[in-house]
Amino acid sequence: MVGRVAAMCYGVVAYLVFLFTFLYAIGFVGNWVVPKSIDSGEAGPLVTSLVINALLLSVFVIQHTIMARPAFKKWVTQFIPAAIERSTFVLLASLSLLLIFAFWQPTPAVLYDVSDTWANWPLIILSLAGWMMVPLSSFVINHFDLFGLRQVYLHWKGSDYHHIPFQITGIYKVVRHPLMVGFIIAFWATPTMTLGHLFFAIMTTIYIFIGVWFEERDLVTYFGDQYVAYRKQVHGFLPIPRRRSQSEG
């Protein structure tokens, strides 16, 4: 029982760290409220700043890519309880992002600025809509499973963990990766685009596409023909209906 309570507390702490990180990310990217944002601080040498920022992003990319692979999950659960594997992933991903926020080097050269025009508020609203799309998409599938709480809760109850069955509901009927679409919108929709913001948006978008490629390979392996059929029916990022073949009528 002590171990189950400890795992539950660990999962809750990991989730709270994630929640703080997600909320801070909104302020960081949008230059809102938070003490350290994407364009705040004193600018240093351009090349040095870009190299540091690339290294910071690579920490998250490496952590996220390796720990998300099924082979790593199988290996790491030899050393930690399976119930906290997902929470550990969430915690380390959050800490990697907090590292980016803390040590990000601003490169505030302005590429465009429409903050004094009619486009200001539509772009801010669009960015916030992208951020809102992220948690809403996670709740459509299973938010608490995605962020490790369901696993530690079942462990606390003494129940065996079982995976969520494959299902196509809500926005997932329109695009396969709405959560990632939300991030892309949030990163790119800004009334003031600086060089640093552009670098962040480009690098994270590239990683999103690479990460999705790896994820879809895992999903095909896990769900087989179900996911293959789903991928043929629904676009990954664009809400455009696929054409039905003649054989489908």
Protein backbone atom coordinates (compact mmCIF):
# COMPACT_ATOMS: atom_id res chain seq x y z
CA MET A 1 0.00 0.00 0.00
CA VAL A 2 2.86 2.41 0.80
CA GLY A 3 4.30 1.82 -2.66
CA ARG A 4 0.95 2.44 -4.31
CA VAL A 5 0.42 5.67 -2.38
CA ALA A 6 3.95 6.80 -3.27
CA ALA A 7 3.31 6.08 -6.95
CA MET A 8 0.03 8.00 -6.81
CA CYS A 9 1.73 11.01 -5.20
CA TYR A 10 4.53 10.84 -7.77
CA GLY A 11 2.01 10.81 -10.62
CA VAL A 12 0.10 13.78 -9.19
CA VAL A 13 3.31 15.79 -8.75
CA ALA A 14 4.41 14.97 -12.31
CA TYR A 15 1.02 16.10 -13.60
CA LEU A 16 1.13 19.36 -11.64
CA VAL A 17 4.61 20.08 -13.02
CA PHE A 18 3.25 19.45 -16.52
CA LEU A 19 0.28 21.73 -15.89
CA PHE A 20 2.55 24.55 -14.70
CA THR A 21 4.84 24.01 -17.70
CA PHE A 22 1.97 24.09 -20.17
CA LEU A 23 0.56 27.31 -18.72
CA TYR A 24 4.03 28.88 -18.64
CA ALA A 25 4.55 27.87 -22.29
CA ILE A 26 1.53 29.94 -23.29
CA GLY A 27 3.03 33.02 -21.68
CA PHE A 28 6.53 32.20 -22.95
CA VAL A 29 5.58 31.94 -26.61
CA GLY A 30 3.10 34.81 -26.52
CA ASN A 31 5.25 37.17 -24.41
CA TRP A 32 2.44 37.38 -21.87
CA VAL A 33 2.67 37.77 -18.08
CA VAL A 34 5.58 35.40 -17.38
CA PRO A 35 8.91 36.85 -16.19
CA LYS A 36 10.97 35.14 -18.92
CA SER A 37 9.50 34.92 -22.41
CA ILE A 38 10.72 34.12 -25.88
CA ASP A 39 11.71 37.74 -26.63
CA SER A 40 12.58 39.04 -23.17
CA GLY A 41 16.07 39.59 -21.83
CA GLU A 42 19.24 41.07 -23.21
CA ALA A 43 20.24 39.85 -26.66
CA GLY A 44 23.69 38.32 -27.12
CA PRO A 45 25.68 37.46 -30.26
CA LEU A 46 23.30 36.07 -32.89
CA VAL A 47 25.17 32.87 -33.77
CA THR A 48 25.89 32.03 -30.13
CA SER A 49 22.24 32.59 -29.21
CA LEU A 50 20.96 30.36 -32.01
CA VAL A 51 23.42 27.58 -31.11
CA ILE A 52 22.39 27.69 -27.44
CA ASN A 53 18.72 27.65 -28.37
CA ALA A 54 19.24 24.74 -30.76
CA LEU A 55 21.01 22.78 -28.01
CA LEU A 56 18.21 23.53 -25.55
CA LEU A 57 15.61 22.31 -28.03
CA SER A 58 17.69 19.22 -28.76
CA VAL A 59 17.54 18.20 -25.08
CA PHE A 60 13.75 18.06 -25.32
CA VAL A 61 13.83 16.34 -28.73
CA ILE A 62 16.22 13.62 -27.57
CA GLN A 63 14.38 13.01 -24.30
CA HIS A 64 10.96 13.00 -25.93
CA THR A 65 11.95 10.83 -28.89
CA ILE A 66 13.84 8.18 -26.94
CA MET A 67 11.44 7.86 -24.00
CA ALA A 68 8.39 7.65 -26.27
CA ARG A 69 9.65 4.52 -28.03
CA PRO A 70 8.14 1.17 -26.96
CA ALA A 71 11.59 -0.44 -26.70
CA PHE A 72 12.72 2.18 -24.18
CA LYS A 73 9.51 1.80 -22.17
CA LYS A 74 10.08 -1.95 -21.98
CA TRP A 75 13.68 -1.40 -20.88
CA VAL A 76 13.03 1.29 -18.26
CA THR A 77 10.26 -0.67 -16.54
CA GLN A 78 12.92 -3.16 -15.48
CA PHE A 79 14.08 -0.46 -13.07
CA ILE A 80 10.94 1.50 -12.20
CA PRO A 81 7.32 0.38 -11.68
CA ALA A 82 5.34 0.27 -14.91
CA ALA A 83 2.66 2.39 -13.23
CA ILE A 84 4.95 5.43 -13.09
CA GLU A 85 6.60 5.04 -16.49
CA ARG A 86 4.25 7.51 -18.17
CA SER A 87 4.45 9.96 -15.28
CA THR A 88 8.24 9.83 -15.47
CA PHE A 89 8.09 10.60 -19.18
CA VAL A 90 5.74 13.53 -18.51
CA LEU A 91 7.91 14.85 -15.68
CA LEU A 92 11.16 14.74 -17.66
CA ALA A 93 9.51 16.27 -20.73
CA SER A 94 8.21 19.11 -18.56
CA LEU A 95 11.62 19.66 -16.98
CA SER A 96 13.20 19.74 -20.44
CA LEU A 97 10.77 22.47 -21.47
CA LEU A 98 11.40 24.44 -18.28
CA LEU A 99 15.10 24.26 -19.11
CA ILE A 100 14.33 25.85 -22.49
CA PHE A 101 12.25 28.59 -20.88
CA ALA A 102 14.92 29.39 -18.30
CA PHE A 103 17.94 29.58 -20.59
CA TRP A 104 16.43 30.63 -23.93
CA GLN A 105 18.51 33.35 -25.59
CA PRO A 106 16.41 36.12 -27.16
CA THR A 107 17.08 37.25 -30.72
CA PRO A 108 14.55 40.10 -30.85
CA ALA A 109 15.13 41.39 -34.38
CA VAL A 110 11.60 42.06 -35.66
CA LEU A 111 10.64 40.42 -38.94
CA TYR A 112 7.11 41.79 -38.94
CA ASP A 113 4.88 43.57 -36.46
CA VAL A 114 1.14 44.04 -36.95
CA SER A 115 0.35 44.67 -33.28
CA ASP A 116 -0.83 48.19 -34.12
CA THR A 117 -3.20 47.03 -36.86
CA TRP A 118 -6.55 45.26 -37.08
CA ALA A 119 -4.69 41.91 -37.31
CA ASN A 120 -3.41 42.07 -33.73
CA TRP A 121 -6.37 40.57 -31.88
CA PRO A 122 -7.32 37.99 -34.53
CA LEU A 123 -3.78 36.58 -34.35
CA ILE A 124 -3.79 36.57 -30.54
CA ILE A 125 -7.18 34.83 -30.51
CA LEU A 126 -5.96 32.31 -33.10
CA SER A 127 -2.89 31.54 -30.99
CA LEU A 128 -4.99 31.07 -27.86
CA ALA A 129 -7.37 28.85 -29.84
CA GLY A 130 -4.39 26.71 -30.81
CA TRP A 131 -3.35 26.40 -27.17
CA MET A 132 -6.91 25.52 -26.18
CA MET A 133 -7.01 22.87 -28.90
CA VAL A 134 -4.21 20.95 -27.19
CA PRO A 135 -5.95 19.98 -23.91
CA LEU A 136 -9.33 19.63 -25.60
CA SER A 137 -7.85 17.12 -28.05
CA SER A 138 -6.30 15.18 -25.18
CA PHE A 139 -9.64 14.94 -23.37
CA VAL A 140 -11.27 13.49 -26.50
CA ILE A 141 -8.99 10.45 -26.27
CA ASN A 142 -8.12 10.21 -22.56
CA HIS A 143 -6.32 13.14 -20.99
CA PHE A 144 -5.51 11.37 -17.74
CA ASP A 145 -4.08 8.31 -19.48
CA LEU A 146 -1.97 10.50 -21.77
CA PHE A 147 -0.40 12.27 -18.79
CA GLY A 148 0.02 9.28 -16.50
CA LEU A 149 -2.70 9.84 -13.90
CA ARG A 150 -4.87 6.93 -14.98
CA GLN A 151 -1.93 4.53 -14.66
CA VAL A 152 -1.05 5.54 -11.08
CA TYR A 153 -4.72 5.66 -10.09
CA LEU A 154 -5.34 2.10 -11.26
CA HIS A 155 -2.16 1.02 -9.48
CA TRP A 156 -3.33 2.74 -6.30
CA LYS A 157 -6.63 0.86 -6.52
CA GLY A 158 -4.79 -2.42 -7.04
CA SER A 159 -6.27 -2.85 -10.52
CA ASP A 160 -4.35 -4.01 -13.58
CA TYR A 161 -3.66 -1.40 -16.23
CA HIS A 162 -5.33 -1.89 -19.60
CA HIS A 163 -4.76 0.21 -22.70
CA ILE A 164 -7.49 2.44 -24.08
CA PRO A 165 -9.02 0.72 -27.13
CA PHE A 166 -8.57 2.38 -30.51
CA GLN A 167 -11.45 4.75 -31.22
CA ILE A 168 -12.18 7.59 -33.63
CA THR A 169 -14.22 10.29 -31.95
CA GLY A 170 -14.71 14.05 -32.04
CA ILE A 171 -12.04 16.06 -33.79
CA TYR A 172 -10.09 12.87 -34.54
CA LYS A 173 -12.65 12.22 -37.25
CA VAL A 174 -11.34 15.34 -39.00
CA VAL A 175 -7.57 15.19 -38.45
CA ARG A 176 -5.37 12.46 -37.00
CA HIS A 177 -3.18 14.76 -34.93
CA PRO A 178 -5.30 17.68 -33.65
CA LEU A 179 -3.12 18.09 -30.59
CA MET A 180 -0.09 18.79 -32.79
CA VAL A 181 -2.16 21.04 -35.04
CA GLY A 182 -2.97 23.07 -31.94
CA PHE A 183 0.71 23.48 -31.11
CA ILE A 184 1.57 24.55 -34.66
CA ILE A 185 -1.19 27.19 -34.67
CA ALA A 186 -0.12 28.44 -31.23
CA PHE A 187 3.53 28.75 -32.27
CA TRP A 188 2.96 30.51 -35.60
CA ALA A 189 0.02 32.84 -34.91
CA THR A 190 1.62 35.98 -33.49
CA PRO A 191 1.20 39.69 -34.23
CA THR A 192 4.94 40.24 -33.72
CA MET A 193 7.34 37.78 -35.32
CA THR A 194 10.92 38.10 -34.15
CA LEU A 195 13.90 36.11 -35.37
CA GLY A 196 13.92 34.15 -32.13
CA HIS A 197 10.22 33.35 -32.36
CA LEU A 198 10.63 32.27 -35.99
CA PHE A 199 13.54 30.00 -35.06
CA PHE A 200 11.47 28.44 -32.27
CA ALA A 201 8.44 27.95 -34.55
CA ILE A 202 10.48 26.40 -37.37
CA MET A 203 12.44 24.03 -35.14
CA THR A 204 9.43 22.85 -33.14
CA THR A 205 7.34 22.37 -36.28
CA ILE A 206 10.07 20.26 -37.88
CA TYR A 207 10.21 18.13 -34.75
CA ILE A 208 6.43 17.76 -34.65
CA PHE A 209 6.46 16.25 -38.14
CA ILE A 210 9.39 13.98 -37.30
CA GLY A 211 7.80 12.95 -34.01
CA VAL A 212 4.48 12.19 -35.69
CA TRP A 213 6.28 9.98 -38.22
CA PHE A 214 7.78 7.92 -35.39
CA GLU A 215 4.48 7.87 -33.52
CA GLU A 216 2.51 6.62 -36.50
CA ARG A 217 4.95 3.76 -36.99
CA ASP A 218 4.32 2.74 -33.37
CA LEU A 219 0.56 3.09 -33.80
CA VAL A 220 0.56 0.90 -36.91
CA THR A 221 2.60 -1.71 -35.02
CA TYR A 222 0.23 -1.59 -32.05
CA PHE A 223 -3.18 -1.27 -33.74
CA GLY A 224 -2.37 -2.85 -37.12
CA ASP A 225 -4.98 -2.66 -39.88
CA GLN A 226 -7.26 -0.49 -37.75
CA TYR A 227 -4.81 2.37 -37.81
CA VAL A 228 -3.80 1.77 -41.42
CA ALA A 229 -7.44 2.13 -42.45
CA TYR A 230 -7.83 5.24 -40.30
CA ARG A 231 -4.75 6.81 -41.89
CA LYS A 232 -6.27 6.25 -45.33
CA GLN A 233 -9.54 7.91 -44.29
CA VAL A 234 -8.33 10.99 -42.39
CA HIS A 235 -5.54 13.49 -43.10
CA GLY A 236 -2.84 13.97 -40.50
CA PHE A 237 -2.95 17.76 -40.16
CA LEU A 238 -5.37 19.27 -42.68
CA PRO A 239 -9.14 18.92 -42.16
CA ILE A 240 -9.71 17.98 -45.78
CA PRO A 241 -11.90 14.95 -46.52
CA ARG A 242 -10.09 12.24 -48.45
CA ARG A 243 -11.55 11.19 -51.75
CA ARG A 244 -13.28 7.87 -51.69
CA SER A 245 -12.05 5.34 -54.19
CA GLN A 246 -14.40 3.93 -56.86
CA SER A 247 -14.32 0.58 -55.10
CA GLU A 248 -15.82 2.27 -52.05
CA GLY A 249 -18.63 3.67 -54.12
